[in-house]
Amino acid sequence: MPGSEIMTEKKHRVLIIGMGNVLMQDEGVGVRAVEELENRYLIPDSVRVVDGGTTGMELFDPIRHCEHLIVADAVNTGDPYGTLVRIANQDVPAFFQTKLSNHQLGLSDLLALLSLKGETPAHVAIIGMVPHSLEQRLGLTAEAEAGLDNMVDMLVQELAGLGIELQQRSEVRIGHWRREAEREEQATCA
């Protein structure tokens, strides 16, 4: 377009954010879930996967440039440890009325700001797991590790609901955080 020198960031159809602190055991389950998703499946260009860690406002631009937002995180619902939950669309504001996630304030604020600006994603889903332990160590508890496959499956199903069918990789990769947790475990056992 003549006279338009400003380039806008490419709008991704779907943004998947893994939230959590991987240094606090099951608190990092969201980061680990998206890492496993990327290591097991080929991710199409229309989907952007982000390790959101414990960030807040840094996620403003990525979220405002997506049509659909999927967040993986540890959630404190009061359900038994390892319980998986899906909270979506109109249920998301109610989710933020009680403290269910250590990152909810940042995410809640971001979604509120985007709503004020009229830039809220058309679809928002939170895929969460109730954490078993928040000790300061890498790696998930056995309970969270046992539920990780199902959490990844829920992410795959969420994408399928948006019309995105993922293809499995011919060879599953080992992610950075899994490798680091295994190294820590080996050092502890030695």
Protein backbone atom coordinates (compact mmCIF):
# COMPACT_ATOMS: atom_id res chain seq x y z
CA MET A 1 0.00 0.00 0.00
CA PRO A 2 1.60 3.33 -1.03
CA GLY A 3 2.65 5.56 1.84
CA SER A 4 2.45 2.77 4.40
CA GLU A 5 5.96 2.24 5.73
CA ILE A 6 4.95 0.67 9.02
CA MET A 7 5.07 -3.12 8.96
CA THR A 8 2.71 -4.93 11.28
CA GLU A 9 3.62 -8.19 13.01
CA LYS A 10 2.25 -11.24 11.22
CA LYS A 11 -1.01 -12.31 12.80
CA HIS A 12 -0.87 -15.93 13.93
CA ARG A 13 -4.07 -17.85 13.83
CA VAL A 14 -3.30 -19.60 17.13
CA LEU A 15 -0.96 -18.75 19.99
CA ILE A 16 -0.15 -21.44 22.55
CA ILE A 17 1.57 -20.22 25.71
CA GLY A 18 3.09 -22.50 28.33
CA MET A 19 3.08 -20.67 31.66
CA GLY A 20 4.96 -21.62 34.80
CA ASN A 21 8.15 -21.64 36.79
CA VAL A 22 10.11 -24.77 35.84
CA LEU A 23 12.33 -24.25 38.90
CA MET A 24 9.37 -25.03 41.19
CA GLN A 25 8.53 -28.59 40.15
CA ASP A 26 4.86 -28.95 39.09
CA GLU A 27 4.47 -25.17 38.81
CA GLY A 28 6.26 -25.61 35.46
CA VAL A 29 3.78 -28.11 34.02
CA GLY A 30 2.43 -25.63 31.46
CA VAL A 31 5.90 -24.95 30.05
CA ARG A 32 6.63 -28.67 29.99
CA ALA A 33 3.32 -29.42 28.23
CA VAL A 34 3.98 -27.04 25.33
CA GLU A 35 7.58 -28.27 25.11
CA GLU A 36 6.28 -31.84 24.78
CA LEU A 37 3.73 -30.69 22.19
CA GLU A 38 6.51 -29.25 20.04
CA ASN A 39 8.70 -32.31 20.52
CA ARG A 40 5.98 -34.79 19.55
CA TYR A 41 4.17 -32.93 16.76
CA LEU A 42 4.94 -30.86 13.68
CA ILE A 43 3.57 -27.39 14.37
CA PRO A 44 2.14 -25.56 11.33
CA ASP A 45 3.12 -21.97 10.54
CA SER A 46 -0.33 -20.72 11.58
CA VAL A 47 0.42 -21.77 15.19
CA ARG A 48 2.96 -20.04 17.37
CA VAL A 49 4.17 -21.81 20.53
CA VAL A 50 5.71 -19.68 23.29
CA ASP A 51 7.41 -20.58 26.56
CA GLY A 52 5.78 -17.83 28.61
CA GLY A 53 7.53 -18.84 31.81
CA THR A 54 6.51 -16.36 34.50
CA THR A 55 6.30 -13.33 32.20
CA GLY A 56 3.44 -10.87 32.16
CA MET A 57 3.24 -7.77 29.98
CA GLU A 58 5.82 -9.23 27.58
CA LEU A 59 2.98 -11.40 26.26
CA PHE A 60 0.80 -8.41 25.30
CA ASP A 61 1.93 -8.16 21.67
CA PRO A 62 1.91 -11.90 20.95
CA ILE A 63 -1.60 -12.23 22.42
CA ARG A 64 -3.01 -9.20 20.59
CA HIS A 65 -1.70 -10.60 17.31
CA CYS A 66 -3.51 -13.93 17.50
CA GLU A 67 -7.03 -15.04 16.70
CA HIS A 68 -7.09 -17.91 19.19
CA LEU A 69 -5.24 -18.20 22.50
CA ILE A 70 -4.49 -21.44 24.33
CA VAL A 71 -2.71 -21.28 27.69
CA ALA A 72 -1.21 -24.31 29.48
CA ASP A 73 -0.58 -23.75 33.19
CA ALA A 74 -0.70 -25.15 36.70
CA VAL A 75 -4.06 -24.31 38.29
CA ASN A 76 -5.17 -24.58 41.90
CA THR A 77 -8.82 -25.57 41.63
CA GLY A 78 -9.05 -27.56 44.86
CA ASP A 79 -9.42 -30.76 42.85
CA PRO A 80 -7.11 -33.71 43.56
CA TYR A 81 -3.47 -33.33 42.46
CA GLY A 82 -3.00 -34.13 38.79
CA THR A 83 -6.58 -33.25 37.82
CA LEU A 84 -6.75 -31.75 34.35
CA VAL A 85 -9.15 -28.90 33.59
CA ARG A 86 -10.25 -26.95 30.55
CA ILE A 87 -11.61 -23.44 31.01
CA ALA A 88 -12.71 -21.64 27.87
CA ASN A 89 -14.26 -18.47 26.50
CA GLN A 90 -17.10 -17.17 28.72
CA ASP A 91 -15.82 -19.28 31.68
CA VAL A 92 -12.40 -17.58 31.67
CA PRO A 93 -13.51 -14.41 33.55
CA ALA A 94 -15.04 -16.58 36.31
CA PHE A 95 -11.76 -18.50 36.46
CA PHE A 96 -9.98 -15.26 37.34
CA GLN A 97 -12.40 -14.38 40.16
CA THR A 98 -10.59 -16.85 42.42
CA LYS A 99 -6.84 -17.36 42.60
CA LEU A 100 -6.34 -20.52 40.58
CA SER A 101 -2.98 -19.85 38.95
CA ASN A 102 0.19 -18.12 40.13
CA HIS A 103 0.23 -16.27 36.78
CA GLN A 104 -3.41 -15.36 36.64
CA LEU A 105 -2.89 -11.72 37.63
CA GLY A 106 -0.63 -11.07 34.65
CA LEU A 107 -2.79 -13.02 32.22
CA SER A 108 -6.01 -11.60 33.68
CA ASP A 109 -4.66 -8.06 33.33
CA LEU A 110 -3.53 -8.70 29.77
CA LEU A 111 -6.92 -10.07 28.74
CA ALA A 112 -8.70 -7.15 30.45
CA LEU A 113 -6.47 -4.64 28.65
CA LEU A 114 -7.03 -6.39 25.32
CA SER A 115 -10.78 -6.36 25.97
CA LEU A 116 -10.69 -2.59 26.57
CA LYS A 117 -8.80 -2.15 23.30
CA GLY A 118 -11.19 -4.46 21.42
CA GLU A 119 -8.37 -6.88 20.63
CA THR A 120 -9.38 -9.95 22.63
CA PRO A 121 -8.73 -13.23 20.81
CA ALA A 122 -11.90 -14.81 19.39
CA HIS A 123 -11.23 -18.00 21.38
CA VAL A 124 -9.43 -18.31 24.72
CA ALA A 125 -8.83 -21.65 26.44
CA ILE A 126 -6.84 -22.56 29.53
CA ILE A 127 -5.64 -26.15 29.82
CA GLY A 128 -4.51 -26.69 33.38
CA MET A 129 -3.29 -29.29 35.82
CA VAL A 130 -3.58 -29.16 39.60
CA PRO A 131 0.04 -29.25 40.88
CA HIS A 132 1.18 -31.83 43.43
CA SER A 133 4.34 -30.11 44.66
CA LEU A 134 5.86 -26.66 44.32
CA GLU A 135 9.29 -27.50 45.76
CA GLN A 136 12.31 -25.72 44.39
CA ARG A 137 13.65 -28.28 41.95
CA LEU A 138 13.58 -29.02 38.26
CA GLY A 139 11.35 -31.74 36.93
CA LEU A 140 7.79 -32.74 37.61
CA THR A 141 6.57 -35.01 40.37
CA ALA A 142 5.70 -38.57 39.33
CA GLU A 143 2.02 -37.59 39.59
CA ALA A 144 2.37 -34.62 37.23
CA GLU A 145 4.62 -36.59 34.87
CA ALA A 146 1.91 -39.28 34.70
CA GLY A 147 -0.66 -36.68 33.60
CA LEU A 148 1.58 -34.84 31.16
CA ASP A 149 0.63 -37.04 28.18
CA ASN A 150 -3.07 -36.33 28.81
CA MET A 151 -2.38 -32.60 29.09
CA VAL A 152 -0.59 -32.68 25.73
CA ASP A 153 -3.53 -34.64 24.29
CA MET A 154 -5.87 -31.90 25.53
CA LEU A 155 -3.76 -29.29 23.71
CA VAL A 156 -3.94 -31.39 20.53
CA GLN A 157 -7.72 -31.71 20.93
CA GLU A 158 -8.06 -27.96 21.49
CA LEU A 159 -6.23 -27.33 18.21
CA ALA A 160 -8.38 -29.94 16.45
CA GLY A 161 -11.45 -28.04 17.66
CA LEU A 162 -10.06 -25.02 15.83
CA GLY A 163 -9.63 -27.08 12.65
CA ILE A 164 -5.89 -27.70 13.08
CA GLU A 165 -4.92 -31.36 12.88
CA LEU A 166 -1.35 -31.95 14.02
CA GLN A 167 0.90 -34.57 12.49
CA GLN A 168 3.11 -36.60 14.80
CA ARG A 169 6.84 -36.33 14.33
CA SER A 170 8.50 -39.44 12.94
CA GLU A 171 10.94 -39.21 15.83
CA VAL A 172 10.04 -37.71 19.21
CA ARG A 173 12.59 -35.18 20.44
CA ILE A 174 13.73 -34.60 24.00
CA GLY A 175 13.10 -31.05 25.16
CA HIS A 176 15.46 -28.77 27.04
CA TRP A 177 13.53 -28.77 30.34
CA ARG A 178 13.06 -32.56 30.34
CA ARG A 179 16.78 -33.01 29.70
CA GLU A 180 17.70 -30.57 32.49
CA ALA A 181 15.34 -32.29 34.94
CA GLU A 182 16.91 -35.66 34.08
CA ARG A 183 20.39 -34.22 34.66
CA GLU A 184 19.35 -32.84 38.05
CA GLU A 185 17.81 -36.20 39.01
CA GLN A 186 21.01 -38.05 38.02
CA ALA A 187 23.16 -35.62 40.02
CA THR A 188 20.91 -36.09 43.06
CA CYS A 189 21.13 -39.90 42.85
CA ALA A 190 24.94 -39.96 42.47
